[in-house]
mmCIF file of all heavy atoms, coordinates in Angstrom:
data_MODEL
# 
_entry.id   MODEL 
# 
loop_
_atom_site.group_PDB 
_atom_site.id 
_atom_site.type_symbol 
_atom_site.label_atom_id 
_atom_site.label_alt_id 
_atom_site.label_comp_id 
_atom_site.label_asym_id 
_atom_site.label_entity_id 
_atom_site.label_seq_id 
_atom_site.pdbx_PDB_ins_code 
_atom_site.Cartn_x 
_atom_site.Cartn_y 
_atom_site.Cartn_z 
_atom_site.occupancy 
_atom_site.B_iso_or_equiv 
_atom_site.pdbx_formal_charge 
_atom_site.auth_seq_id 
_atom_site.auth_comp_id 
_atom_site.auth_asym_id 
_atom_site.auth_atom_id 
_atom_site.pdbx_PDB_model_num 
ATOM 1   N N   . LEU A 1 1  ? 152.473 133.743 127.010 1.00 0.00 ? 1  LEU A N   1 
ATOM 2   C CA  . LEU A 1 1  ? 153.204 132.605 127.568 1.00 0.00 ? 1  LEU A CA  1 
ATOM 3   C C   . LEU A 1 1  ? 153.626 132.906 129.011 1.00 0.00 ? 1  LEU A C   1 
ATOM 4   O O   . LEU A 1 1  ? 153.483 132.058 129.900 1.00 0.00 ? 1  LEU A O   1 
ATOM 5   C CB  . LEU A 1 1  ? 154.436 132.266 126.720 1.00 0.00 ? 1  LEU A CB  1 
ATOM 6   C CG  . LEU A 1 1  ? 155.378 131.215 127.293 1.00 0.00 ? 1  LEU A CG  1 
ATOM 7   C CD1 . LEU A 1 1  ? 154.668 129.877 127.479 1.00 0.00 ? 1  LEU A CD1 1 
ATOM 8   C CD2 . LEU A 1 1  ? 156.602 131.056 126.407 1.00 0.00 ? 1  LEU A CD2 1 
ATOM 9   N N   . LEU A 1 2  ? 154.114 134.107 129.242 1.00 0.00 ? 2  LEU A N   1 
ATOM 10  C CA  . LEU A 1 2  ? 154.537 134.501 130.581 1.00 0.00 ? 2  LEU A CA  1 
ATOM 11  C C   . LEU A 1 2  ? 153.363 134.455 131.565 1.00 0.00 ? 2  LEU A C   1 
ATOM 12  O O   . LEU A 1 2  ? 153.521 134.034 132.715 1.00 0.00 ? 2  LEU A O   1 
ATOM 13  C CB  . LEU A 1 2  ? 155.141 135.903 130.526 1.00 0.00 ? 2  LEU A CB  1 
ATOM 14  C CG  . LEU A 1 2  ? 156.172 136.273 131.573 1.00 0.00 ? 2  LEU A CG  1 
ATOM 15  C CD1 . LEU A 1 2  ? 157.273 135.230 131.663 1.00 0.00 ? 2  LEU A CD1 1 
ATOM 16  C CD2 . LEU A 1 2  ? 156.755 137.627 131.277 1.00 0.00 ? 2  LEU A CD2 1 
ATOM 17  N N   . ARG A 1 3  ? 152.197 134.815 131.108 1.00 0.00 ? 3  ARG A N   1 
ATOM 18  C CA  . ARG A 1 3  ? 150.999 134.746 131.949 1.00 0.00 ? 3  ARG A CA  1 
ATOM 19  C C   . ARG A 1 3  ? 150.658 133.289 132.288 1.00 0.00 ? 3  ARG A C   1 
ATOM 20  O O   . ARG A 1 3  ? 150.250 132.977 133.404 1.00 0.00 ? 3  ARG A O   1 
ATOM 21  C CB  . ARG A 1 3  ? 149.817 135.434 131.280 1.00 0.00 ? 3  ARG A CB  1 
ATOM 22  C CG  . ARG A 1 3  ? 149.923 136.939 131.267 1.00 0.00 ? 3  ARG A CG  1 
ATOM 23  C CD  . ARG A 1 3  ? 148.740 137.563 130.515 1.00 0.00 ? 3  ARG A CD  1 
ATOM 24  N NE  . ARG A 1 3  ? 148.969 138.954 130.260 1.00 0.00 ? 3  ARG A NE  1 
ATOM 25  C CZ  . ARG A 1 3  ? 148.687 139.939 131.125 1.00 0.00 ? 3  ARG A CZ  1 
ATOM 26  N NH1 . ARG A 1 3  ? 148.179 139.644 132.314 1.00 0.00 ? 3  ARG A NH1 1 
ATOM 27  N NH2 . ARG A 1 3  ? 148.924 141.191 130.825 1.00 0.00 ? 3  ARG A NH2 1 
ATOM 28  N N   . LYS A 1 4  ? 150.833 132.398 131.304 1.00 0.00 ? 4  LYS A N   1 
ATOM 29  C CA  . LYS A 1 4  ? 150.609 130.964 131.563 1.00 0.00 ? 4  LYS A CA  1 
ATOM 30  C C   . LYS A 1 4  ? 151.561 130.464 132.638 1.00 0.00 ? 4  LYS A C   1 
ATOM 31  O O   . LYS A 1 4  ? 151.170 129.728 133.535 1.00 0.00 ? 4  LYS A O   1 
ATOM 32  C CB  . LYS A 1 4  ? 150.814 130.136 130.287 1.00 0.00 ? 4  LYS A CB  1 
ATOM 33  C CG  . LYS A 1 4  ? 149.636 130.070 129.386 1.00 0.00 ? 4  LYS A CG  1 
ATOM 34  C CD  . LYS A 1 4  ? 149.925 129.095 128.256 1.00 0.00 ? 4  LYS A CD  1 
ATOM 35  C CE  . LYS A 1 4  ? 148.669 128.894 127.458 1.00 0.00 ? 4  LYS A CE  1 
ATOM 36  N NZ  . LYS A 1 4  ? 148.373 127.524 127.192 1.00 0.00 ? 4  LYS A NZ  1 
ATOM 37  N N   . LEU A 1 5  ? 152.820 130.861 132.524 1.00 0.00 ? 5  LEU A N   1 
ATOM 38  C CA  . LEU A 1 5  ? 153.815 130.446 133.512 1.00 0.00 ? 5  LEU A CA  1 
ATOM 39  C C   . LEU A 1 5  ? 153.477 131.006 134.891 1.00 0.00 ? 5  LEU A C   1 
ATOM 40  O O   . LEU A 1 5  ? 153.587 130.297 135.894 1.00 0.00 ? 5  LEU A O   1 
ATOM 41  C CB  . LEU A 1 5  ? 155.214 130.900 133.078 1.00 0.00 ? 5  LEU A CB  1 
ATOM 42  C CG  . LEU A 1 5  ? 155.766 130.267 131.801 1.00 0.00 ? 5  LEU A CG  1 
ATOM 43  C CD1 . LEU A 1 5  ? 157.119 130.879 131.452 1.00 0.00 ? 5  LEU A CD1 1 
ATOM 44  C CD2 . LEU A 1 5  ? 155.860 128.762 131.907 1.00 0.00 ? 5  LEU A CD2 1 
ATOM 45  N N   . ALA A 1 6  ? 153.034 132.250 134.934 1.00 0.00 ? 6  ALA A N   1 
ATOM 46  C CA  . ALA A 1 6  ? 152.667 132.869 136.209 1.00 0.00 ? 6  ALA A CA  1 
ATOM 47  C C   . ALA A 1 6  ? 151.476 132.154 136.835 1.00 0.00 ? 6  ALA A C   1 
ATOM 48  O O   . ALA A 1 6  ? 151.440 131.936 138.048 1.00 0.00 ? 6  ALA A O   1 
ATOM 49  C CB  . ALA A 1 6  ? 152.357 134.353 135.999 1.00 0.00 ? 6  ALA A CB  1 
ATOM 50  N N   . THR A 1 7  ? 150.530 131.764 136.012 1.00 0.00 ? 7  THR A N   1 
ATOM 51  C CA  . THR A 1 7  ? 149.366 131.031 136.517 1.00 0.00 ? 7  THR A CA  1 
ATOM 52  C C   . THR A 1 7  ? 149.800 129.706 137.132 1.00 0.00 ? 7  THR A C   1 
ATOM 53  O O   . THR A 1 7  ? 149.344 129.325 138.206 1.00 0.00 ? 7  THR A O   1 
ATOM 54  C CB  . THR A 1 7  ? 148.345 130.790 135.381 1.00 0.00 ? 7  THR A CB  1 
ATOM 55  O OG1 . THR A 1 7  ? 147.914 132.057 134.889 1.00 0.00 ? 7  THR A OG1 1 
ATOM 56  C CG2 . THR A 1 7  ? 147.154 129.988 135.865 1.00 0.00 ? 7  THR A CG2 1 
ATOM 57  N N   . ARG A 1 8  ? 150.694 128.989 136.451 1.00 0.00 ? 8  ARG A N   1 
ATOM 58  C CA  . ARG A 1 8  ? 151.191 127.713 136.990 1.00 0.00 ? 8  ARG A CA  1 
ATOM 59  C C   . ARG A 1 8  ? 151.965 127.949 138.286 1.00 0.00 ? 8  ARG A C   1 
ATOM 60  O O   . ARG A 1 8  ? 151.844 127.188 139.247 1.00 0.00 ? 8  ARG A O   1 
ATOM 61  C CB  . ARG A 1 8  ? 152.100 127.008 135.985 1.00 0.00 ? 8  ARG A CB  1 
ATOM 62  C CG  . ARG A 1 8  ? 151.448 126.088 135.013 1.00 0.00 ? 8  ARG A CG  1 
ATOM 63  C CD  . ARG A 1 8  ? 150.367 125.220 135.581 1.00 0.00 ? 8  ARG A CD  1 
ATOM 64  N NE  . ARG A 1 8  ? 150.850 124.038 136.261 1.00 0.00 ? 8  ARG A NE  1 
ATOM 65  C CZ  . ARG A 1 8  ? 150.098 123.240 137.008 1.00 0.00 ? 8  ARG A CZ  1 
ATOM 66  N NH1 . ARG A 1 8  ? 148.819 123.479 137.165 1.00 0.00 ? 8  ARG A NH1 1 
ATOM 67  N NH2 . ARG A 1 8  ? 150.600 122.191 137.588 1.00 0.00 ? 8  ARG A NH2 1 
ATOM 68  N N   . CYS A 1 9  ? 152.768 129.019 138.332 1.00 0.00 ? 9  CYS A N   1 
ATOM 69  C CA  . CYS A 1 9  ? 153.516 129.340 139.553 1.00 0.00 ? 9  CYS A CA  1 
ATOM 70  C C   . CYS A 1 9  ? 152.565 129.600 140.711 1.00 0.00 ? 9  CYS A C   1 
ATOM 71  O O   . CYS A 1 9  ? 152.832 129.193 141.844 1.00 0.00 ? 9  CYS A O   1 
ATOM 72  C CB  . CYS A 1 9  ? 154.415 130.555 139.324 1.00 0.00 ? 9  CYS A CB  1 
ATOM 73  S SG  . CYS A 1 9  ? 155.876 130.206 138.328 1.00 0.00 ? 9  CYS A SG  1 
ATOM 74  N N   . ALA A 1 10 ? 151.451 130.276 140.425 1.00 0.00 ? 10 ALA A N   1 
ATOM 75  C CA  . ALA A 1 10 ? 150.460 130.552 141.474 1.00 0.00 ? 10 ALA A CA  1 
ATOM 76  C C   . ALA A 1 10 ? 149.823 129.259 141.959 1.00 0.00 ? 10 ALA A C   1 
ATOM 77  O O   . ALA A 1 10 ? 149.678 129.040 143.167 1.00 0.00 ? 10 ALA A O   1 
ATOM 78  C CB  . ALA A 1 10 ? 149.399 131.513 140.956 1.00 0.00 ? 10 ALA A CB  1 
ATOM 79  N N   . VAL A 1 11 ? 149.459 128.387 141.027 1.00 0.00 ? 11 VAL A N   1 
ATOM 80  C CA  . VAL A 1 11 ? 148.841 127.108 141.384 1.00 0.00 ? 11 VAL A CA  1 
ATOM 81  C C   . VAL A 1 11 ? 149.790 126.277 142.245 1.00 0.00 ? 11 VAL A C   1 
ATOM 82  O O   . VAL A 1 11 ? 149.381 125.653 143.218 1.00 0.00 ? 11 VAL A O   1 
ATOM 83  C CB  . VAL A 1 11 ? 148.425 126.325 140.116 1.00 0.00 ? 11 VAL A CB  1 
ATOM 84  C CG1 . VAL A 1 11 ? 148.057 124.892 140.442 1.00 0.00 ? 11 VAL A CG1 1 
ATOM 85  C CG2 . VAL A 1 11 ? 147.275 127.021 139.409 1.00 0.00 ? 11 VAL A CG2 1 
ATOM 86  N N   . LEU A 1 12 ? 151.068 126.280 141.876 1.00 0.00 ? 12 LEU A N   1 
ATOM 87  C CA  . LEU A 1 12 ? 152.071 125.481 142.585 1.00 0.00 ? 12 LEU A CA  1 
ATOM 88  C C   . LEU A 1 12 ? 152.653 126.214 143.805 1.00 0.00 ? 12 LEU A C   1 
ATOM 89  O O   . LEU A 1 12 ? 153.441 125.629 144.542 1.00 0.00 ? 12 LEU A O   1 
ATOM 90  C CB  . LEU A 1 12 ? 153.208 125.104 141.629 1.00 0.00 ? 12 LEU A CB  1 
ATOM 91  C CG  . LEU A 1 12 ? 152.786 124.262 140.411 1.00 0.00 ? 12 LEU A CG  1 
ATOM 92  C CD1 . LEU A 1 12 ? 153.920 124.195 139.389 1.00 0.00 ? 12 LEU A CD1 1 
ATOM 93  C CD2 . LEU A 1 12 ? 152.355 122.872 140.839 1.00 0.00 ? 12 LEU A CD2 1 
ATOM 94  N N   . ASP A 1 13 ? 152.288 127.484 143.985 1.00 0.00 ? 13 ASP A N   1 
ATOM 95  C CA  . ASP A 1 13 ? 152.778 128.325 145.079 1.00 0.00 ? 13 ASP A CA  1 
ATOM 96  C C   . ASP A 1 13 ? 154.308 128.352 145.120 1.00 0.00 ? 13 ASP A C   1 
ATOM 97  O O   . ASP A 1 13 ? 154.931 128.174 146.170 1.00 0.00 ? 13 ASP A O   1 
ATOM 98  C CB  . ASP A 1 13 ? 152.211 127.858 146.427 1.00 0.00 ? 13 ASP A CB  1 
ATOM 99  C CG  . ASP A 1 13 ? 152.464 128.878 147.537 1.00 0.00 ? 13 ASP A CG  1 
ATOM 100 O OD1 . ASP A 1 13 ? 152.589 130.083 147.227 1.00 0.00 ? 13 ASP A OD1 1 
ATOM 101 O OD2 . ASP A 1 13 ? 152.552 128.468 148.706 1.00 0.00 ? 13 ASP A OD2 1 
ATOM 102 N N   . LEU A 1 14 ? 154.912 128.598 143.960 1.00 0.00 ? 14 LEU A N   1 
ATOM 103 C CA  . LEU A 1 14 ? 156.372 128.609 143.867 1.00 0.00 ? 14 LEU A CA  1 
ATOM 104 C C   . LEU A 1 14 ? 156.946 129.921 144.379 1.00 0.00 ? 14 LEU A C   1 
ATOM 105 O O   . LEU A 1 14 ? 156.297 130.958 144.336 1.00 0.00 ? 14 LEU A O   1 
ATOM 106 C CB  . LEU A 1 14 ? 156.802 128.364 142.420 1.00 0.00 ? 14 LEU A CB  1 
ATOM 107 C CG  . LEU A 1 14 ? 156.406 126.998 141.847 1.00 0.00 ? 14 LEU A CG  1 
ATOM 108 C CD1 . LEU A 1 14 ? 156.854 126.866 140.403 1.00 0.00 ? 14 LEU A CD1 1 
ATOM 109 C CD2 . LEU A 1 14 ? 156.992 125.874 142.688 1.00 0.00 ? 14 LEU A CD2 1 
ATOM 110 N N   . ARG A 1 15 ? 158.198 129.845 144.859 1.00 0.00 ? 15 ARG A N   1 
ATOM 111 C CA  . ARG A 1 15 ? 158.883 130.994 145.460 1.00 0.00 ? 15 ARG A CA  1 
ATOM 112 C C   . ARG A 1 15 ? 160.253 131.185 144.810 1.00 0.00 ? 15 ARG A C   1 
ATOM 113 O O   . ARG A 1 15 ? 160.863 130.245 144.319 1.00 0.00 ? 15 ARG A O   1 
ATOM 114 C CB  . ARG A 1 15 ? 159.094 130.768 146.962 1.00 0.00 ? 15 ARG A CB  1 
ATOM 115 C CG  . ARG A 1 15 ? 157.848 130.407 147.743 1.00 0.00 ? 15 ARG A CG  1 
ATOM 116 C CD  . ARG A 1 15 ? 156.950 131.578 147.892 1.00 0.00 ? 15 ARG A CD  1 
ATOM 117 N NE  . ARG A 1 15 ? 155.695 131.224 148.544 1.00 0.00 ? 15 ARG A NE  1 
ATOM 118 C CZ  . ARG A 1 15 ? 155.092 131.995 149.409 1.00 0.00 ? 15 ARG A CZ  1 
ATOM 119 N NH1 . ARG A 1 15 ? 155.613 133.146 149.736 1.00 0.00 ? 15 ARG A NH1 1 
ATOM 120 N NH2 . ARG A 1 15 ? 153.949 131.622 149.925 1.00 0.00 ? 15 ARG A NH2 1 
ATOM 121 N N   . VAL A 1 16 ? 160.723 132.435 144.844 1.00 0.00 ? 16 VAL A N   1 
ATOM 122 C CA  . VAL A 1 16 ? 162.066 132.760 144.344 1.00 0.00 ? 16 VAL A CA  1 
ATOM 123 C C   . VAL A 1 16 ? 163.045 132.441 145.464 1.00 0.00 ? 16 VAL A C   1 
ATOM 124 O O   . VAL A 1 16 ? 162.907 132.938 146.573 1.00 0.00 ? 16 VAL A O   1 
ATOM 125 C CB  . VAL A 1 16 ? 162.166 134.255 143.953 1.00 0.00 ? 16 VAL A CB  1 
ATOM 126 C CG1 . VAL A 1 16 ? 163.560 134.577 143.452 1.00 0.00 ? 16 VAL A CG1 1 
ATOM 127 C CG2 . VAL A 1 16 ? 161.123 134.603 142.902 1.00 0.00 ? 16 VAL A CG2 1 
ATOM 128 N N   . HIS A 1 17 ? 164.027 131.600 145.166 1.00 0.00 ? 17 HIS A N   1 
ATOM 129 C CA  . HIS A 1 17 ? 164.991 131.193 146.196 1.00 0.00 ? 17 HIS A CA  1 
ATOM 130 C C   . HIS A 1 17 ? 166.430 131.579 145.853 1.00 0.00 ? 17 HIS A C   1 
ATOM 131 O O   . HIS A 1 17 ? 167.367 131.105 146.468 1.00 0.00 ? 17 HIS A O   1 
ATOM 132 C CB  . HIS A 1 17 ? 164.910 129.682 146.437 1.00 0.00 ? 17 HIS A CB  1 
ATOM 133 C CG  . HIS A 1 17 ? 165.299 128.867 145.249 1.00 0.00 ? 17 HIS A CG  1 
ATOM 134 N ND1 . HIS A 1 17 ? 164.439 128.632 144.211 1.00 0.00 ? 17 HIS A ND1 1 
ATOM 135 C CD2 . HIS A 1 17 ? 166.456 128.254 144.926 1.00 0.00 ? 17 HIS A CD2 1 
ATOM 136 C CE1 . HIS A 1 17 ? 165.049 127.889 143.297 1.00 0.00 ? 17 HIS A CE1 1 
ATOM 137 N NE2 . HIS A 1 17 ? 166.271 127.658 143.704 1.00 0.00 ? 17 HIS A NE2 1 
ATOM 138 N N   . ARG A 1 18 ? 166.576 132.413 144.872 1.00 0.00 ? 18 ARG A N   1 
ATOM 139 C CA  . ARG A 1 18 ? 167.911 132.859 144.445 1.00 0.00 ? 18 ARG A CA  1 
ATOM 140 C C   . ARG A 1 18 ? 167.858 134.349 144.170 1.00 0.00 ? 18 ARG A C   1 
ATOM 141 O O   . ARG A 1 18 ? 166.813 134.961 144.315 1.00 0.00 ? 18 ARG A O   1 
ATOM 142 C CB  . ARG A 1 18 ? 168.350 132.089 143.208 1.00 0.00 ? 18 ARG A CB  1 
ATOM 143 C CG  . ARG A 1 18 ? 167.312 132.162 142.082 1.00 0.00 ? 18 ARG A CG  1 
ATOM 144 C CD  . ARG A 1 18 ? 167.699 131.438 140.846 1.00 0.00 ? 18 ARG A CD  1 
ATOM 145 N NE  . ARG A 1 18 ? 167.580 130.007 141.062 1.00 0.00 ? 18 ARG A NE  1 
ATOM 146 C CZ  . ARG A 1 18 ? 167.920 129.097 140.193 1.00 0.00 ? 18 ARG A CZ  1 
ATOM 147 N NH1 . ARG A 1 18 ? 168.379 129.443 139.037 1.00 0.00 ? 18 ARG A NH1 1 
ATOM 148 N NH2 . ARG A 1 18 ? 167.784 127.824 140.460 1.00 0.00 ? 18 ARG A NH2 1 
ATOM 149 N N   . SER A 1 19 ? 168.956 134.915 143.724 1.00 0.00 ? 19 SER A N   1 
ATOM 150 C CA  . SER A 1 19 ? 168.966 136.356 143.440 1.00 0.00 ? 19 SER A CA  1 
ATOM 151 C C   . SER A 1 19 ? 168.051 136.650 142.250 1.00 0.00 ? 19 SER A C   1 
ATOM 152 O O   . SER A 1 19 ? 167.816 135.776 141.399 1.00 0.00 ? 19 SER A O   1 
ATOM 153 C CB  . SER A 1 19 ? 170.390 136.830 143.127 1.00 0.00 ? 19 SER A CB  1 
ATOM 154 O OG  . SER A 1 19 ? 170.799 136.354 141.853 1.00 0.00 ? 19 SER A OG  1 
ATOM 155 N N   . ASP A 1 20 ? 167.551 137.885 142.198 1.00 0.00 ? 20 ASP A N   1 
ATOM 156 C CA  . ASP A 1 20 ? 166.691 138.287 141.087 1.00 0.00 ? 20 ASP A CA  1 
ATOM 157 C C   . ASP A 1 20 ? 167.409 138.131 139.745 1.00 0.00 ? 20 ASP A C   1 
ATOM 158 O O   . ASP A 1 20 ? 166.804 137.729 138.760 1.00 0.00 ? 20 ASP A O   1 
ATOM 159 C CB  . ASP A 1 20 ? 166.216 139.725 141.255 1.00 0.00 ? 20 ASP A CB  1 
ATOM 160 C CG  . ASP A 1 20 ? 165.000 139.834 142.158 1.00 0.00 ? 20 ASP A CG  1 
ATOM 161 O OD1 . ASP A 1 20 ? 164.667 138.838 142.835 1.00 0.00 ? 20 ASP A OD1 1 
ATOM 162 O OD2 . ASP A 1 20 ? 164.375 140.914 142.172 1.00 0.00 ? 20 ASP A OD2 1 
ATOM 163 N N   . GLU A 1 21 ? 168.703 138.431 139.729 1.00 0.00 ? 21 GLU A N   1 
ATOM 164 C CA  . GLU A 1 21 ? 169.475 138.348 138.479 1.00 0.00 ? 21 GLU A CA  1 
ATOM 165 C C   . GLU A 1 21 ? 169.506 136.906 137.963 1.00 0.00 ? 21 GLU A C   1 
ATOM 166 O O   . GLU A 1 21 ? 169.308 136.655 136.776 1.00 0.00 ? 21 GLU A O   1 
ATOM 167 C CB  . GLU A 1 21 ? 170.905 138.869 138.671 1.00 0.00 ? 21 GLU A CB  1 
ATOM 168 C CG  . GLU A 1 21 ? 171.004 140.351 138.945 1.00 0.00 ? 21 GLU A CG  1 
ATOM 169 C CD  . GLU A 1 21 ? 170.690 140.733 140.394 1.00 0.00 ? 21 GLU A CD  1 
ATOM 170 O OE1 . GLU A 1 21 ? 170.727 139.855 141.298 1.00 0.00 ? 21 GLU A OE1 1 
ATOM 171 O OE2 . GLU A 1 21 ? 170.387 141.923 140.614 1.00 0.00 ? 21 GLU A OE2 1 
ATOM 172 N N   . GLU A 1 22 ? 169.751 135.960 138.872 1.00 0.00 ? 22 GLU A N   1 
ATOM 173 C CA  . GLU A 1 22 ? 169.798 134.548 138.473 1.00 0.00 ? 22 GLU A CA  1 
ATOM 174 C C   . GLU A 1 22 ? 168.425 134.068 137.995 1.00 0.00 ? 22 GLU A C   1 
ATOM 175 O O   . GLU A 1 22 ? 168.316 133.425 136.949 1.00 0.00 ? 22 GLU A O   1 
ATOM 176 C CB  . GLU A 1 22 ? 170.252 133.669 139.641 1.00 0.00 ? 22 GLU A CB  1 
ATOM 177 C CG  . GLU A 1 22 ? 171.709 133.811 139.992 1.00 0.00 ? 22 GLU A CG  1 
ATOM 178 C CD  . GLU A 1 22 ? 172.053 132.989 141.223 1.00 0.00 ? 22 GLU A CD  1 
ATOM 179 O OE1 . GLU A 1 22 ? 171.441 133.218 142.282 1.00 0.00 ? 22 GLU A OE1 1 
ATOM 180 O OE2 . GLU A 1 22 ? 172.926 132.112 141.095 1.00 0.00 ? 22 GLU A OE2 1 
ATOM 181 N N   . ALA A 1 23 ? 167.402 134.395 138.755 1.00 0.00 ? 23 ALA A N   1 
ATOM 182 C CA  . ALA A 1 23 ? 166.048 133.969 138.389 1.00 0.00 ? 23 ALA A CA  1 
ATOM 183 C C   . ALA A 1 23 ? 165.621 134.609 137.080 1.00 0.00 ? 23 ALA A C   1 
ATOM 184 O O   . ALA A 1 23 ? 165.005 133.954 136.229 1.00 0.00 ? 23 ALA A O   1 
ATOM 185 C CB  . ALA A 1 23 ? 165.068 134.315 139.507 1.00 0.00 ? 23 ALA A CB  1 
ATOM 186 N N   . LEU A 1 24 ? 165.957 135.876 136.895 1.00 0.00 ? 24 LEU A N   1 
ATOM 187 C CA  . LEU A 1 24 ? 165.605 136.581 135.665 1.00 0.00 ? 24 LEU A CA  1 
ATOM 188 C C   . LEU A 1 24 ? 166.279 135.933 134.454 1.00 0.00 ? 24 LEU A C   1 
ATOM 189 O O   . LEU A 1 24 ? 165.646 135.730 133.404 1.00 0.00 ? 24 LEU A O   1 
ATOM 190 C CB  . LEU A 1 24 ? 165.993 138.056 135.774 1.00 0.00 ? 24 LEU A CB  1 
ATOM 191 C CG  . LEU A 1 24 ? 165.598 138.964 134.619 1.00 0.00 ? 24 LEU A CG  1 
ATOM 192 C CD1 . LEU A 1 24 ? 164.086 138.952 134.408 1.00 0.00 ? 24 LEU A CD1 1 
ATOM 193 C CD2 . LEU A 1 24 ? 166.083 140.389 134.891 1.00 0.00 ? 24 LEU A CD2 1 
# 
């Protein structure tokens, strides 16, 4: 599932815009 999400993030070119703790 995490790989699916990563693939979608790559397609959408998404970026982390908050602290690692919040995003995690």
